[in-house]
């Protein structure tokens, strides 16, 4: 089992920056993929960015160039540096870990952290 806890959310003005952290407890495998999702008010949860154990990253187009995902495997911690934030980035941000095992992928979620960007 893996437990995930996000931190670092808050209120920021448009154009500002925030850094989110996700601390994972339990055993992390080299096949685990970690990701940040977000759920804007009244909308569905969406994938924002992901990172493999080896550091390969993917970004959703609207955040590419503004957000940077990273992970410290020694600390079992993932980060999301968010720059040039806009009101459209307002959402609850969730940490996710996906663990593939043959044809089955188990996913773990954190409780989420609120990010609010004021215009």
Protein backbone atom coordinates (compact mmCIF):
# COMPACT_ATOMS: atom_id res chain seq x y z
CA UNK A 1 0.00 0.00 0.00
CA UNK A 2 1.03 3.57 -0.70
CA UNK A 3 -0.22 6.69 1.01
CA UNK A 4 0.12 10.07 -0.68
CA UNK A 5 -0.13 13.47 0.96
CA UNK A 6 -0.05 16.75 -0.94
CA UNK A 7 1.05 20.09 0.46
CA UNK A 8 1.82 23.58 -0.78
CA UNK A 9 -1.50 24.73 -2.12
CA UNK A 10 -2.95 28.13 -1.38
CA UNK A 11 -4.07 31.45 -2.77
CA UNK A 12 -1.88 33.28 -5.24
CA UNK A 13 -2.34 36.22 -7.58
CA UNK A 14 -2.32 35.77 -11.32
CA UNK A 15 1.23 35.65 -12.62
CA UNK A 16 2.50 34.19 -9.38
CA UNK A 17 4.10 30.86 -8.55
CA UNK A 18 3.50 27.95 -6.22
CA UNK A 19 5.27 24.70 -5.47
CA UNK A 20 3.28 21.62 -4.59
CA UNK A 21 4.78 18.59 -2.90
CA UNK A 22 3.55 15.02 -2.69
CA UNK A 23 5.06 12.79 -0.03
CA UNK A 24 4.64 9.07 -0.57
CA UNK A 25 4.86 6.51 2.22
CA UNK A 26 5.32 2.82 1.63
CA UNK A 27 7.44 1.02 -0.92
CA UNK A 28 7.93 2.75 -4.26
CA UNK A 29 8.83 0.56 -7.23
CA UNK A 30 10.87 1.57 -10.24
CA UNK A 31 7.86 0.88 -12.46
CA UNK A 32 5.66 3.36 -10.57
CA UNK A 33 4.55 6.42 -12.52
CA UNK A 34 3.61 9.49 -10.52
CA UNK A 35 1.39 12.27 -11.74
CA UNK A 36 -0.49 15.42 -10.86
CA UNK A 37 -4.16 15.70 -11.69
CA UNK A 38 -6.42 18.65 -11.08
CA UNK A 39 -10.14 19.19 -10.82
CA UNK A 40 -11.37 22.72 -11.55
CA UNK A 41 -14.67 23.80 -9.98
CA UNK A 42 -17.58 22.09 -11.70
CA UNK A 43 -15.36 20.12 -14.06
CA UNK A 44 -13.93 16.64 -14.33
CA UNK A 45 -10.56 15.64 -12.97
CA UNK A 46 -7.83 15.94 -15.60
CA UNK A 47 -4.25 14.80 -15.98
CA UNK A 48 -1.80 17.69 -15.80
CA UNK A 49 1.62 16.09 -15.87
CA UNK A 50 3.37 12.81 -15.13
CA UNK A 51 6.84 11.50 -14.42
CA UNK A 52 8.39 8.06 -14.48
CA UNK A 53 10.81 6.74 -11.89
CA UNK A 54 13.61 7.49 -14.34
CA UNK A 55 12.47 11.07 -14.84
CA UNK A 56 10.67 10.94 -18.16
CA UNK A 57 7.97 13.60 -18.16
CA UNK A 58 4.76 14.46 -19.97
CA UNK A 59 2.79 17.72 -19.81
CA UNK A 60 -0.70 18.69 -20.83
CA UNK A 61 -0.43 21.41 -23.47
CA UNK A 62 -1.93 24.24 -21.40
CA UNK A 63 0.74 23.90 -18.70
CA UNK A 64 3.72 23.02 -20.88
CA UNK A 65 6.40 25.64 -20.33
CA UNK A 66 4.80 26.93 -17.12
CA UNK A 67 4.76 23.86 -14.89
CA UNK A 68 7.69 21.61 -14.02
CA UNK A 69 7.30 18.19 -12.46
CA UNK A 70 10.13 16.49 -10.62
CA UNK A 71 10.62 13.71 -8.13
CA UNK A 72 13.21 12.83 -5.52
CA UNK A 73 13.22 9.06 -5.37
CA UNK A 74 15.45 9.02 -2.30
CA UNK A 75 12.82 11.02 -0.42
CA UNK A 76 9.78 9.41 -2.08
CA UNK A 77 8.59 12.90 -2.91
CA UNK A 78 7.23 14.49 -6.06
CA UNK A 79 7.03 18.19 -6.78
CA UNK A 80 5.14 20.50 -9.07
CA UNK A 81 6.58 23.93 -9.70
CA UNK A 82 3.91 26.17 -11.17
CA UNK A 83 4.83 29.50 -12.72
CA UNK A 84 2.82 32.24 -14.40
CA UNK A 85 -0.38 30.98 -12.84
CA UNK A 86 -3.72 32.13 -14.18
CA UNK A 87 -7.30 31.89 -12.91
CA UNK A 88 -7.78 28.88 -15.20
CA UNK A 89 -5.31 26.97 -13.01
CA UNK A 90 -7.65 27.21 -10.03
CA UNK A 91 -8.44 23.66 -8.99
CA UNK A 92 -7.93 20.97 -6.43
CA UNK A 93 -4.62 19.32 -7.29
CA UNK A 94 -4.24 15.61 -6.65
CA UNK A 95 -1.14 13.47 -6.42
CA UNK A 96 -1.42 10.10 -8.15
CA UNK A 97 0.72 6.99 -8.30
CA UNK A 98 0.06 4.31 -10.89
CA UNK A 99 1.54 0.86 -10.30
CA UNK A 100 1.41 -1.48 -13.28
CA UNK A 101 1.63 -5.22 -12.69
CA UNK A 102 1.20 -7.26 -15.82
CA UNK A 103 -2.23 -6.29 -17.19
CA UNK A 104 -3.45 -4.61 -14.01
CA UNK A 105 -2.64 -1.09 -12.86
CA UNK A 106 -3.33 -0.09 -9.29
CA UNK A 107 -3.70 3.60 -8.59
CA UNK A 108 -3.29 5.55 -5.39
CA UNK A 109 -4.52 9.08 -4.72
CA UNK A 110 -3.79 11.80 -2.24
CA UNK A 111 -6.61 13.79 -0.64
CA UNK A 112 -5.84 16.86 -2.76
CA UNK A 113 -4.71 20.41 -2.13
CA UNK A 114 -6.56 23.54 -3.21
CA UNK A 115 -4.89 26.04 -5.52
CA UNK A 116 -6.74 29.31 -6.06
CA UNK A 117 -5.47 31.94 -8.46
CA UNK A 118 -7.03 35.37 -8.20
CA UNK A 119 -7.17 37.70 -11.18
